[in-house]
Amino acid sequence: MKKGLRIGALILALLMVLGFFVTSFASATEQWDKDVYAYGAGLDEQEIEQTAKLLGITNMDSVNKVIVNSQDLFKYVKEESSDSGMISSIFAKKTSEGSGTEVIITTPKNITHVSELEYTNAALTAGVSDAKIYVGAIRPVTGTSALTGVYKAFELNGETLDEQRVEVANEELETVNAIVQEHKDDENFTVEQINNVVVYVKEALITNKEKTDEKATEGTIRNIINEGIQKYELNNIITQVNIDKLVVYFQNFQNSSAIDSEELKDQLSKWGNTLREKAGELTEKAKDLANDAKDYVNSEEAQGLFSRILQFLGDIFTRIGDFFKGLVK
């Protein structure tokens, strides 16, 4: 009898352990039934198909399709537009827990204002986690409304995002994009740098809240922003007006539930590491190009070329001089 009880208890324990692992595995790999194609209301049937191909969708029956119209735009990002103006579209895939969020623009020439990094940063603030998102358009558009489709795709799958966080994310996109557009022609400015600054400040504010259980003061926020700007070598580029706008944004950021989000902290850490590595690679490539150029200028080949150019120009000027002397005679 006792032996039977011990066997029964052992089986029960094994079932409980098995149940734990099954539950954990299901939670860690939970994904949507189908990927989502959210397309703009301004597209006709042919353009809907064309945009799907641009986004990498090969089988329309394998995705859930949802239209994104002007009402959605106002609902999610508080912007107004006609349905005909809704062109940019997205293809969203829910990935396994902890995989991070990635945004890929498949038509970079047609998304004229917003970069992949800006989309990703704002999406994380809104609460979009563990997803791969493709953004595209059949003709040039700013792309500022593309996240509307992302929010609708998540809601379609029962993942309603916090309204305040979505609002703050849209403010972030608007604030950062304005800075990017202002400095895009500056050779010492990159989108990677400003997005690294934004991640740096977010992480610092989250850490500050965890340690002090209080929100950072305006002065502290300003100091953290300046630290980030210094760290990512934008101190001679970002203006005081830019900083003032960032201060206002980050005050709103820490007044939202995002500041207490463990999920955002984890996603930022994962994506921030990737972003910092990418920025480092770009810096090294720039250094390599500069060194290559310097080496070439100092090479015998370059010096010989310069000598031949100078000789050629000297011959031209001599001939011009001889020509005018002939005229004087």
C-alpha atoms as a PDB file:
ATOM      1  CA  MET A   1       0.000   0.000   0.000  1.00  0.00           C
ATOM      2  CA  LYS A   2       2.769   2.388   0.970  1.00  0.00           C
ATOM      3  CA  LYS A   3       4.670   1.419  -2.156  1.00  0.00           C
ATOM      4  CA  GLY A   4       1.580   2.261  -4.242  1.00  0.00           C
ATOM      5  CA  LEU A   5       1.267   5.644  -2.547  1.00  0.00           C
ATOM      6  CA  ARG A   6       4.926   6.428  -3.166  1.00  0.00           C
ATOM      7  CA  ILE A   7       4.581   5.521  -6.858  1.00  0.00           C
ATOM      8  CA  GLY A   8       1.424   7.629  -7.104  1.00  0.00           C
ATOM      9  CA  ALA A   9       3.150  10.575  -5.454  1.00  0.00           C
ATOM     10  CA  LEU A  10       6.121  10.187  -7.780  1.00  0.00           C
ATOM     11  CA  ILE A  11       3.879  10.130 -10.849  1.00  0.00           C
ATOM     12  CA  LEU A  12       2.009  13.218  -9.574  1.00  0.00           C
ATOM     13  CA  ALA A  13       5.290  15.038  -9.028  1.00  0.00           C
ATOM     14  CA  LEU A  14       6.484  14.116 -12.496  1.00  0.00           C
ATOM     15  CA  LEU A  15       3.219  15.338 -14.011  1.00  0.00           C
ATOM     16  CA  MET A  16       3.532  18.635 -12.145  1.00  0.00           C
ATOM     17  CA  VAL A  17       7.102  19.116 -13.366  1.00  0.00           C
ATOM     18  CA  LEU A  18       6.074  18.166 -16.900  1.00  0.00           C
ATOM     19  CA  GLY A  19       3.150  20.576 -16.689  1.00  0.00           C
ATOM     20  CA  PHE A  20       5.500  23.360 -15.574  1.00  0.00           C
ATOM     21  CA  PHE A  21       7.832  22.816 -18.517  1.00  0.00           C
ATOM     22  CA  VAL A  22       4.964  22.554 -21.009  1.00  0.00           C
ATOM     23  CA  THR A  23       3.410  25.761 -19.655  1.00  0.00           C
ATOM     24  CA  SER A  24       6.752  27.559 -19.680  1.00  0.00           C
ATOM     25  CA  PHE A  25       7.504  26.409 -23.211  1.00  0.00           C
ATOM     26  CA  ALA A  26       4.079  27.476 -24.460  1.00  0.00           C
ATOM     27  CA  SER A  27       4.470  30.874 -22.817  1.00  0.00           C
ATOM     28  CA  ALA A  28       7.950  31.367 -24.250  1.00  0.00           C
ATOM     29  CA  THR A  29       6.933  30.442 -27.794  1.00  0.00           C
ATOM     30  CA  GLU A  30       3.399  31.847 -27.905  1.00  0.00           C
ATOM     31  CA  GLN A  31       2.803  33.470 -31.273  1.00  0.00           C
ATOM     32  CA  TRP A  32      -0.136  34.650 -33.347  1.00  0.00           C
ATOM     33  CA  ASP A  33      -2.208  32.190 -35.376  1.00  0.00           C
ATOM     34  CA  LYS A  34      -1.272  34.144 -38.503  1.00  0.00           C
ATOM     35  CA  ASP A  35       1.040  37.013 -39.383  1.00  0.00           C
ATOM     36  CA  VAL A  36      -0.741  40.295 -40.104  1.00  0.00           C
ATOM     37  CA  TYR A  37      -0.747  42.424 -43.235  1.00  0.00           C
ATOM     38  CA  ALA A  38      -2.090  45.894 -42.372  1.00  0.00           C
ATOM     39  CA  TYR A  39      -2.437  47.962 -45.541  1.00  0.00           C
ATOM     40  CA  GLY A  40      -3.380  51.575 -46.177  1.00  0.00           C
ATOM     41  CA  ALA A  41      -6.936  52.495 -47.146  1.00  0.00           C
ATOM     42  CA  GLY A  42      -5.589  54.599 -50.021  1.00  0.00           C
ATOM     43  CA  LEU A  43      -4.563  51.491 -51.977  1.00  0.00           C
ATOM     44  CA  ASP A  44      -6.671  49.891 -54.701  1.00  0.00           C
ATOM     45  CA  GLU A  45      -6.820  46.113 -55.184  1.00  0.00           C
ATOM     46  CA  GLN A  46      -3.842  45.981 -57.520  1.00  0.00           C
ATOM     47  CA  GLU A  47      -1.773  48.192 -55.198  1.00  0.00           C
ATOM     48  CA  ILE A  48      -2.691  46.033 -52.195  1.00  0.00           C
ATOM     49  CA  GLU A  49      -1.211  43.020 -53.996  1.00  0.00           C
ATOM     50  CA  GLN A  50       1.810  45.003 -55.139  1.00  0.00           C
ATOM     51  CA  THR A  51       2.517  46.316 -51.634  1.00  0.00           C
ATOM     52  CA  ALA A  52       2.199  42.811 -50.182  1.00  0.00           C
ATOM     53  CA  LYS A  53       4.943  41.602 -52.523  1.00  0.00           C
ATOM     54  CA  LEU A  54       7.145  44.551 -51.545  1.00  0.00           C
ATOM     55  CA  LEU A  55       6.729  43.526 -47.913  1.00  0.00           C
ATOM     56  CA  GLY A  56       7.749  39.953 -48.647  1.00  0.00           C
ATOM     57  CA  ILE A  57       4.312  38.327 -48.489  1.00  0.00           C
ATOM     58  CA  THR A  58       4.216  35.433 -50.956  1.00  0.00           C
ATOM     59  CA  ASN A  59       0.875  33.883 -50.010  1.00  0.00           C
ATOM     60  CA  MET A  60      -2.011  36.201 -49.135  1.00  0.00           C
ATOM     61  CA  ASP A  61      -4.035  33.275 -47.734  1.00  0.00           C
ATOM     62  CA  SER A  62      -1.385  32.715 -45.062  1.00  0.00           C
ATOM     63  CA  VAL A  63      -1.870  36.121 -43.426  1.00  0.00           C
ATOM     64  CA  ASN A  64      -4.626  38.015 -41.681  1.00  0.00           C
ATOM     65  CA  LYS A  65      -5.409  41.128 -43.698  1.00  0.00           C
ATOM     66  CA  VAL A  66      -6.662  44.341 -42.111  1.00  0.00           C
ATOM     67  CA  ILE A  67      -7.225  47.771 -43.618  1.00  0.00           C
ATOM     68  CA  VAL A  68      -5.819  50.873 -41.898  1.00  0.00           C
ATOM     69  CA  ASN A  69      -7.908  53.986 -42.467  1.00  0.00           C
ATOM     70  CA  SER A  70      -8.031  57.600 -41.316  1.00  0.00           C
ATOM     71  CA  GLN A  71     -10.135  56.685 -38.260  1.00  0.00           C
ATOM     72  CA  ASP A  72      -7.392  54.321 -37.117  1.00  0.00           C
ATOM     73  CA  LEU A  73      -4.822  57.045 -37.665  1.00  0.00           C
ATOM     74  CA  PHE A  74      -6.723  59.402 -35.371  1.00  0.00           C
ATOM     75  CA  LYS A  75      -7.425  56.660 -32.829  1.00  0.00           C
ATOM     76  CA  TYR A  76      -3.825  55.570 -32.420  1.00  0.00           C
ATOM     77  CA  VAL A  77      -1.668  58.583 -33.254  1.00  0.00           C
ATOM     78  CA  LYS A  78      -4.127  61.492 -33.026  1.00  0.00           C
ATOM     79  CA  GLU A  79      -3.372  62.627 -36.589  1.00  0.00           C
ATOM     80  CA  GLU A  80      -5.873  63.511 -39.291  1.00  0.00           C
ATOM     81  CA  SER A  81      -5.803  62.423 -42.925  1.00  0.00           C
ATOM     82  CA  SER A  82      -8.137  61.308 -45.682  1.00  0.00           C
ATOM     83  CA  ASP A  83      -8.367  57.591 -46.438  1.00  0.00           C
ATOM     84  CA  SER A  84      -6.728  58.268 -49.785  1.00  0.00           C
ATOM     85  CA  GLY A  85      -3.648  59.511 -47.962  1.00  0.00           C
ATOM     86  CA  MET A  86      -3.146  56.182 -46.154  1.00  0.00           C
ATOM     87  CA  ILE A  87      -0.457  54.501 -48.256  1.00  0.00           C
ATOM     88  CA  SER A  88       2.312  53.079 -46.041  1.00  0.00           C
ATOM     89  CA  SER A  89       1.635  49.509 -44.930  1.00  0.00           C
ATOM     90  CA  ILE A  90       3.155  46.910 -42.606  1.00  0.00           C
ATOM     91  CA  PHE A  91       3.648  43.169 -42.352  1.00  0.00           C
ATOM     92  CA  ALA A  92       3.948  42.055 -38.710  1.00  0.00           C
ATOM     93  CA  LYS A  93       5.148  38.748 -37.285  1.00  0.00           C
ATOM     94  CA  LYS A  94       4.976  37.870 -33.599  1.00  0.00           C
ATOM     95  CA  THR A  95       8.214  36.154 -32.578  1.00  0.00           C
ATOM     96  CA  SER A  96       9.172  34.050 -29.556  1.00  0.00           C
ATOM     97  CA  GLU A  97       9.388  35.640 -26.113  1.00  0.00           C
ATOM     98  CA  GLY A  98      12.672  37.421 -25.494  1.00  0.00           C
ATOM     99  CA  SER A  99      13.602  37.586 -29.185  1.00  0.00           C
ATOM    100  CA  GLY A 100      13.304  41.375 -29.293  1.00  0.00           C
ATOM    101  CA  THR A 101      11.688  43.731 -31.788  1.00  0.00           C
ATOM    102  CA  GLU A 102      13.051  44.568 -35.215  1.00  0.00           C
ATOM    103  CA  VAL A 103      11.711  46.927 -37.883  1.00  0.00           C
ATOM    104  CA  ILE A 104      12.792  46.526 -41.507  1.00  0.00           C
ATOM    105  CA  ILE A 105      11.927  49.054 -44.220  1.00  0.00           C
ATOM    106  CA  THR A 106      11.597  47.124 -47.474  1.00  0.00           C
ATOM    107  CA  THR A 107      11.182  50.226 -49.652  1.00  0.00           C
ATOM    108  CA  PRO A 108      13.689  52.744 -48.241  1.00  0.00           C
ATOM    109  CA  LYS A 109      13.344  55.097 -51.206  1.00  0.00           C
ATOM    110  CA  ASN A 110       9.599  55.405 -50.582  1.00  0.00           C
ATOM    111  CA  ILE A 111       9.718  55.918 -46.794  1.00  0.00           C
ATOM    112  CA  THR A 112      11.251  59.353 -46.925  1.00  0.00           C
ATOM    113  CA  HIS A 113      11.301  60.610 -43.321  1.00  0.00           C
ATOM    114  CA  VAL A 114      11.441  57.805 -40.774  1.00  0.00           C
ATOM    115  CA  SER A 115      14.280  55.316 -40.284  1.00  0.00           C
ATOM    116  CA  GLU A 116      14.130  51.726 -39.050  1.00  0.00           C
ATOM    117  CA  LEU A 117      15.788  52.805 -35.810  1.00  0.00           C
ATOM    118  CA  GLU A 118      13.204  55.520 -35.120  1.00  0.00           C
ATOM    119  CA  TYR A 119      10.372  53.055 -35.750  1.00  0.00           C
ATOM    120  CA  THR A 120      11.924  50.464 -33.437  1.00  0.00           C
ATOM    121  CA  ASN A 121      12.616  52.911 -30.617  1.00  0.00           C
ATOM    122  CA  ALA A 122       9.062  54.279 -30.700  1.00  0.00           C
ATOM    123  CA  ALA A 123       7.497  50.820 -31.029  1.00  0.00           C
ATOM    124  CA  LEU A 124       9.298  49.645 -27.882  1.00  0.00           C
ATOM    125  CA  THR A 125       8.048  52.696 -25.982  1.00  0.00           C
ATOM    126  CA  ALA A 126       4.487  51.878 -27.098  1.00  0.00           C
ATOM    127  CA  GLY A 127       4.786  48.351 -25.716  1.00  0.00           C
ATOM    128  CA  VAL A 128       5.397  46.434 -28.931  1.00  0.00           C
ATOM    129  CA  SER A 129       7.597  43.502 -27.955  1.00  0.00           C
ATOM    130  CA  ASP A 130       9.013  40.392 -29.619  1.00  0.00           C
ATOM    131  CA  ALA A 131       8.017  41.168 -33.185  1.00  0.00           C
ATOM    132  CA  LYS A 132       9.473  41.488 -36.649  1.00  0.00           C
ATOM    133  CA  ILE A 133       7.854  44.306 -38.576  1.00  0.00           C
ATOM    134  CA  TYR A 134       8.254  45.117 -42.266  1.00  0.00           C
ATOM    135  CA  VAL A 135       7.322  48.617 -43.480  1.00  0.00           C
ATOM    136  CA  GLY A 136       6.812  49.601 -47.108  1.00  0.00           C
ATOM    137  CA  ALA A 137       4.996  51.813 -49.598  1.00  0.00           C
ATOM    138  CA  ILE A 138       4.440  51.730 -53.362  1.00  0.00           C
ATOM    139  CA  ARG A 139       5.232  55.432 -53.738  1.00  0.00           C
ATOM    140  CA  PRO A 140       7.071  58.088 -51.669  1.00  0.00           C
ATOM    141  CA  VAL A 141       5.441  58.917 -48.317  1.00  0.00           C
ATOM    142  CA  THR A 142       6.836  60.267 -45.057  1.00  0.00           C
ATOM    143  CA  GLY A 143       6.062  56.994 -43.251  1.00  0.00           C
ATOM    144  CA  THR A 144       5.044  58.744 -40.026  1.00  0.00           C
ATOM    145  CA  SER A 145       1.721  56.870 -39.921  1.00  0.00           C
ATOM    146  CA  ALA A 146       3.132  53.354 -40.458  1.00  0.00           C
ATOM    147  CA  LEU A 147       3.066  52.468 -36.748  1.00  0.00           C
ATOM    148  CA  THR A 148      -0.723  52.792 -36.882  1.00  0.00           C
ATOM    149  CA  GLY A 149      -0.788  49.460 -38.713  1.00  0.00           C
ATOM    150  CA  VAL A 150       1.477  47.899 -36.077  1.00  0.00           C
ATOM    151  CA  TYR A 151      -0.815  48.970 -33.243  1.00  0.00           C
ATOM    152  CA  LYS A 152      -3.858  47.661 -35.112  1.00  0.00           C
ATOM    153  CA  ALA A 153      -2.113  44.349 -35.834  1.00  0.00           C
ATOM    154  CA  PHE A 154      -1.420  43.823 -32.130  1.00  0.00           C
ATOM    155  CA  GLU A 155      -4.978  44.748 -31.179  1.00  0.00           C
ATOM    156  CA  LEU A 156      -6.297  42.330 -33.810  1.00  0.00           C
ATOM    157  CA  ASN A 157      -4.491  39.572 -31.914  1.00  0.00           C
ATOM    158  CA  GLY A 158      -5.853  40.570 -28.511  1.00  0.00           C
ATOM    159  CA  GLU A 159      -2.796  42.586 -27.431  1.00  0.00           C
ATOM    160  CA  THR A 160      -4.252  45.994 -26.685  1.00  0.00           C
ATOM    161  CA  LEU A 161      -1.471  48.483 -26.060  1.00  0.00           C
ATOM    162  CA  ASP A 162      -1.568  51.055 -23.276  1.00  0.00           C
ATOM    163  CA  GLU A 163      -3.097  54.216 -24.766  1.00  0.00           C
ATOM    164  CA  GLN A 164      -0.806  56.556 -22.836  1.00  0.00           C
ATOM    165  CA  ARG A 165       2.306  54.659 -23.937  1.00  0.00           C
ATOM    166  CA  VAL A 166       1.165  54.759 -27.561  1.00  0.00           C
ATOM    167  CA  GLU A 167       0.662  58.513 -27.256  1.00  0.00           C
ATOM    168  CA  VAL A 168       4.144  58.965 -25.780  1.00  0.00           C
ATOM    169  CA  ALA A 169       5.636  56.746 -28.503  1.00  0.00           C
ATOM    170  CA  ASN A 170       4.095  58.957 -31.173  1.00  0.00           C
ATOM    171  CA  GLU A 171       5.512  62.029 -29.441  1.00  0.00           C
ATOM    172  CA  GLU A 172       8.914  60.334 -29.425  1.00  0.00           C
ATOM    173  CA  LEU A 173       8.739  59.594 -33.139  1.00  0.00           C
ATOM    174  CA  GLU A 174       7.752  63.183 -33.885  1.00  0.00           C
ATOM    175  CA  THR A 175      10.447  64.699 -31.617  1.00  0.00           C
ATOM    176  CA  VAL A 176      13.328  62.503 -32.743  1.00  0.00           C
ATOM    177  CA  ASN A 177      12.358  62.682 -36.416  1.00  0.00           C
ATOM    178  CA  ALA A 178      12.316  66.491 -36.267  1.00  0.00           C
ATOM    179  CA  ILE A 179      15.910  66.407 -34.965  1.00  0.00           C
ATOM    180  CA  VAL A 180      16.927  63.916 -37.655  1.00  0.00           C
ATOM    181  CA  GLN A 181      15.441  66.044 -40.434  1.00  0.00           C
ATOM    182  CA  GLU A 182      17.133  69.156 -39.057  1.00  0.00           C
ATOM    183  CA  HIS A 183      20.611  67.605 -39.005  1.00  0.00           C
ATOM    184  CA  LYS A 184      20.402  64.988 -41.785  1.00  0.00           C
ATOM    185  CA  ASP A 185      22.795  66.926 -44.034  1.00  0.00           C
ATOM    186  CA  ASP A 186      25.455  67.244 -41.330  1.00  0.00           C
ATOM    187  CA  GLU A 187      28.243  64.767 -42.121  1.00  0.00           C
ATOM    188  CA  ASN A 188      28.995  64.387 -38.397  1.00  0.00           C
ATOM    189  CA  PHE A 189      25.441  63.354 -37.528  1.00  0.00           C
ATOM    190  CA  THR A 190      23.899  59.887 -37.900  1.00  0.00           C
ATOM    191  CA  VAL A 191      20.532  58.370 -37.072  1.00  0.00           C
ATOM    192  CA  GLU A 192      22.391  55.733 -35.033  1.00  0.00           C
ATOM    193  CA  GLN A 193      23.861  58.410 -32.759  1.00  0.00           C
ATOM    194  CA  ILE A 194      20.582  60.131 -31.877  1.00  0.00           C
ATOM    195  CA  ASN A 195      18.789  56.815 -31.336  1.00  0.00           C
ATOM    196  CA  ASN A 196      21.607  55.687 -29.063  1.00  0.00           C
ATOM    197  CA  VAL A 197      21.070  58.878 -27.066  1.00  0.00           C
ATOM    198  CA  VAL A 198      17.346  58.145 -26.764  1.00  0.00           C
ATOM    199  CA  VAL A 199      18.000  54.564 -25.573  1.00  0.00           C
ATOM    200  CA  TYR A 200      20.646  55.839 -23.138  1.00  0.00           C
ATOM    201  CA  VAL A 201      18.219  58.321 -21.549  1.00  0.00           C
ATOM    202  CA  LYS A 202      15.351  55.812 -21.371  1.00  0.00           C
ATOM    203  CA  GLU A 203      17.536  53.234 -19.629  1.00  0.00           C
ATOM    204  CA  ALA A 204      18.918  55.848 -17.229  1.00  0.00           C
ATOM    205  CA  LEU A 205      15.429  57.071 -16.284  1.00  0.00           C
ATOM    206  CA  ILE A 206      14.182  53.510 -15.733  1.00  0.00           C
ATOM    207  CA  THR A 207      17.215  52.757 -13.530  1.00  0.00           C
ATOM    208  CA  ASN A 208      16.720  55.989 -11.588  1.00  0.00           C
ATOM    209  CA  LYS A 209      13.087  55.096 -10.897  1.00  0.00           C
ATOM    210  CA  GLU A 210      14.057  51.593  -9.738  1.00  0.00           C
ATOM    211  CA  LYS A 211      16.725  52.916  -7.353  1.00  0.00           C
ATOM    212  CA  THR A 212      14.905  55.919  -5.904  1.00  0.00           C
ATOM    213  CA  ASP A 213      11.262  54.985  -6.494  1.00  0.00           C
ATOM    214  CA  GLU A 214      10.888  58.556  -7.737  1.00  0.00           C
ATOM    215  CA  LYS A 215      10.788  60.225 -11.124  1.00  0.00           C
ATOM    216  CA  ALA A 216      13.781  62.255 -12.213  1.00  0.00           C
ATOM    217  CA  THR A 217      13.576  66.036 -11.933  1.00  0.00           C
ATOM    218  CA  GLU A 218      13.762  68.248 -14.994  1.00  0.00           C
ATOM    219  CA  GLY A 219      17.361  69.118 -14.080  1.00  0.00           C
ATOM    220  CA  THR A 220      18.313  65.450 -13.797  1.00  0.00           C
ATOM    221  CA  ILE A 221      16.687  64.656 -17.144  1.00  0.00           C
ATOM    222  CA  ARG A 222      18.589  67.515 -18.762  1.00  0.00           C
ATOM    223  CA  ASN A 223      21.877  66.255 -17.276  1.00  0.00           C
ATOM    224  CA  ILE A 224      21.232  62.702 -18.511  1.00  0.00           C
ATOM    225  CA  ILE A 225      20.440  63.974 -22.013  1.00  0.00           C
ATOM    226  CA  ASN A 226      23.668  65.968 -22.056  1.00  0.00           C
ATOM    227  CA  GLU A 227      25.588  62.893 -20.877  1.00  0.00           C
ATOM    228  CA  GLY A 228      24.105  60.883 -23.753  1.00  0.00           C
ATOM    229  CA  ILE A 229      24.873  63.619 -26.268  1.00  0.00           C
ATOM    230  CA  GLN A 230      28.470  63.771 -25.019  1.00  0.00           C
ATOM    231  CA  LYS A 231      28.805  59.981 -25.024  1.00  0.00           C
ATOM    232  CA  TYR A 232      27.660  59.672 -28.626  1.00  0.00           C
ATOM    233  CA  GLU A 233      29.607  62.708 -29.856  1.00  0.00           C
ATOM    234  CA  LEU A 234      26.689  64.972 -30.733  1.00  0.00           C
ATOM    235  CA  ASN A 235      27.614  67.788 -28.344  1.00  0.00           C
ATOM    236  CA  ASN A 236      28.634  70.144 -31.173  1.00  0.00           C
ATOM    237  CA  ILE A 237      25.588  69.300 -33.272  1.00  0.00           C
ATOM    238  CA  ILE A 238      22.471  69.038 -31.090  1.00  0.00           C
ATOM    239  CA  THR A 239      21.155  72.509 -30.299  1.00  0.00           C
ATOM    240  CA  GLN A 240      19.698  73.839 -27.082  1.00  0.00           C
ATOM    241  CA  VAL A 241      16.291  73.925 -28.757  1.00  0.00           C
ATOM    242  CA  ASN A 242      16.677  70.217 -29.577  1.00  0.00           C
ATOM    243  CA  ILE A 243      17.588  69.488 -25.950  1.00  0.00           C
ATOM    244  CA  ASP A 244      14.594  71.451 -24.635  1.00  0.00           C
ATOM    245  CA  LYS A 245      12.257  69.380 -26.822  1.00  0.00           C
ATOM    246  CA  LEU A 246      13.888  66.155 -25.647  1.00  0.00           C
ATOM    247  CA  VAL A 247      13.441  67.234 -22.016  1.00  0.00           C
ATOM    248  CA  VAL A 248       9.705  67.741 -22.564  1.00  0.00           C
ATOM    249  CA  TYR A 249       9.419  64.358 -24.282  1.00  0.00           C
ATOM    250  CA  PHE A 250      11.300  62.451 -21.565  1.00  0.00           C
ATOM    251  CA  GLN A 251       9.207  64.100 -18.852  1.00  0.00           C
ATOM    252  CA  ASN A 252       6.145  62.660 -20.581  1.00  0.00           C
ATOM    253  CA  PHE A 253       7.917  59.322 -21.038  1.00  0.00           C
ATOM    254  CA  GLN A 254       8.522  58.915 -17.314  1.00  0.00           C
ATOM    255  CA  ASN A 255       4.965  60.010 -16.532  1.00  0.00           C
ATOM    256  CA  SER A 256       3.674  57.022 -18.524  1.00  0.00           C
ATOM    257  CA  SER A 257       3.562  53.399 -17.429  1.00  0.00           C
ATOM    258  CA  ALA A 258       6.589  52.742 -19.648  1.00  0.00           C
ATOM    259  CA  ILE A 259       8.879  53.850 -16.827  1.00  0.00           C
ATOM    260  CA  ASP A 260       7.812  50.845 -14.712  1.00  0.00           C
ATOM    261  CA  SER A 261       7.830  48.302 -17.539  1.00  0.00           C
ATOM    262  CA  GLU A 262      10.172  45.383 -16.966  1.00  0.00           C
ATOM    263  CA  GLU A 263       9.397  44.252 -20.513  1.00  0.00           C
ATOM    264  CA  LEU A 264      10.569  47.607 -21.924  1.00  0.00           C
ATOM    265  CA  LYS A 265      13.741  47.440 -19.837  1.00  0.00           C
ATOM    266  CA  ASP A 266      14.579  43.983 -21.228  1.00  0.00           C
ATOM    267  CA  GLN A 267      13.714  44.922 -24.823  1.00  0.00           C
ATOM    268  CA  LEU A 268      15.764  48.140 -24.617  1.00  0.00           C
ATOM    269  CA  SER A 269      18.747  46.268 -23.230  1.00  0.00           C
ATOM    270  CA  LYS A 270      18.621  43.706 -26.016  1.00  0.00           C
ATOM    271  CA  TRP A 271      18.061  46.185 -28.830  1.00  0.00           C
ATOM    272  CA  GLY A 272      20.369  48.813 -27.339  1.00  0.00           C
ATOM    273  CA  ASN A 273      23.291  46.392 -27.430  1.00  0.00           C
ATOM    274  CA  THR A 274      22.632  45.695 -31.099  1.00  0.00           C
ATOM    275  CA  LEU A 275      22.344  49.410 -31.844  1.00  0.00           C
ATOM    276  CA  ARG A 276      25.579  50.240 -30.029  1.00  0.00           C
ATOM    277  CA  GLU A 277      27.398  47.493 -31.907  1.00  0.00           C
ATOM    278  CA  LYS A 278      26.068  48.832 -35.198  1.00  0.00           C
ATOM    279  CA  ALA A 279      27.163  52.374 -34.342  1.00  0.00           C
ATOM    280  CA  GLY A 280      30.607  51.054 -33.411  1.00  0.00           C
ATOM    281  CA  GLU A 281      30.905  49.225 -36.728  1.00  0.00           C
ATOM    282  CA  LEU A 282      30.011  52.396 -38.637  1.00  0.00           C
ATOM    283  CA  THR A 283      32.631  54.362 -36.692  1.00  0.00           C
ATOM    284  CA  GLU A 284      35.300  51.765 -37.467  1.00  0.00           C
ATOM    285  CA  LYS A 285      34.345  51.753 -41.150  1.00  0.00           C
ATOM    286  CA  ALA A 286      34.634  55.546 -41.246  1.00  0.00           C
ATOM    287  CA  LYS A 287      38.076  55.348 -39.617  1.00  0.00           C
ATOM    288  CA  ASP A 288      39.185  52.664 -42.086  1.00  0.00           C
ATOM    289  CA  LEU A 289      38.048  54.765 -45.050  1.00  0.00           C
ATOM    290  CA  ALA A 290      39.869  57.813 -43.662  1.00  0.00           C
ATOM    291  CA  ASN A 291      43.049  55.790 -43.139  1.00  0.00           C
ATOM    292  CA  ASP A 292      42.792  54.277 -46.623  1.00  0.00           C
ATOM    293  CA  ALA A 293      42.428  57.748 -48.110  1.00  0.00           C
ATOM    294  CA  LYS A 294      45.391  59.013 -46.082  1.00  0.00           C
ATOM    295  CA  ASP A 295      47.550  56.057 -47.124  1.00  0.00           C
ATOM    296  CA  TYR A 296      46.655  56.577 -50.765  1.00  0.00           C
ATOM    297  CA  VAL A 297      47.472  60.291 -50.661  1.00  0.00           C
ATOM    298  CA  ASN A 298      50.888  59.450 -49.220  1.00  0.00           C
ATOM    299  CA  SER A 299      51.543  56.625 -51.677  1.00  0.00           C
ATOM    300  CA  GLU A 300      53.977  56.802 -54.619  1.00  0.00           C
ATOM    301  CA  GLU A 301      51.057  56.118 -56.971  1.00  0.00           C
ATOM    302  CA  ALA A 302      49.137  59.163 -55.739  1.00  0.00           C
ATOM    303  CA  GLN A 303      52.208  61.384 -55.748  1.00  0.00           C
ATOM    304  CA  GLY A 304      52.938  60.325 -59.332  1.00  0.00           C
ATOM    305  CA  LEU A 305      49.348  61.072 -60.315  1.00  0.00           C
ATOM    306  CA  PHE A 306      49.483  64.507 -58.679  1.00  0.00           C
ATOM    307  CA  SER A 307      52.771  65.246 -60.505  1.00  0.00           C
ATOM    308  CA  ARG A 308      51.239  64.287 -63.852  1.00  0.00           C
ATOM    309  CA  ILE A 309      48.183  66.481 -63.160  1.00  0.00           C
ATOM    310  CA  LEU A 310      50.409  69.453 -62.275  1.00  0.00           C
ATOM    311  CA  GLN A 311      52.547  68.858 -65.385  1.00  0.00           C
ATOM    312  CA  PHE A 312      49.387  68.685 -67.512  1.00  0.00           C
ATOM    313  CA  LEU A 313      48.050  71.940 -66.054  1.00  0.00           C
ATOM    314  CA  GLY A 314      51.471  73.576 -66.522  1.00  0.00           C
ATOM    315  CA  ASP A 315      51.503  72.576 -70.193  1.00  0.00           C
ATOM    316  CA  ILE A 316      48.018  74.040 -70.661  1.00  0.00           C
ATOM    317  CA  PHE A 317      48.991  77.370 -69.091  1.00  0.00           C
ATOM    318  CA  THR A 318      52.204  77.481 -71.184  1.00  0.00           C
ATOM    319  CA  ARG A 319      50.198  76.946 -74.367  1.00  0.00           C
ATOM    320  CA  ILE A 320      47.689  79.604 -73.346  1.00  0.00           C
ATOM    321  CA  GLY A 321      50.579  81.997 -72.717  1.00  0.00           C
ATOM    322  CA  ASP A 322      52.141  81.196 -76.068  1.00  0.00           C
ATOM    323  CA  PHE A 323      48.782  81.743 -77.747  1.00  0.00           C
ATOM    324  CA  PHE A 324      48.360  85.235 -76.307  1.00  0.00           C
ATOM    325  CA  LYS A 325      51.983  86.120 -77.150  1.00  0.00           C
ATOM    326  CA  GLY A 326      51.211  85.203 -80.732  1.00  0.00           C
ATOM    327  CA  LEU A 327      48.241  87.546 -80.724  1.00  0.00           C
ATOM    328  CA  VAL A 328      50.333  90.428 -79.409  1.00  0.00           C
ATOM    329  CA  LYS A 329      52.859  89.990 -82.205  1.00  0.00           C
END
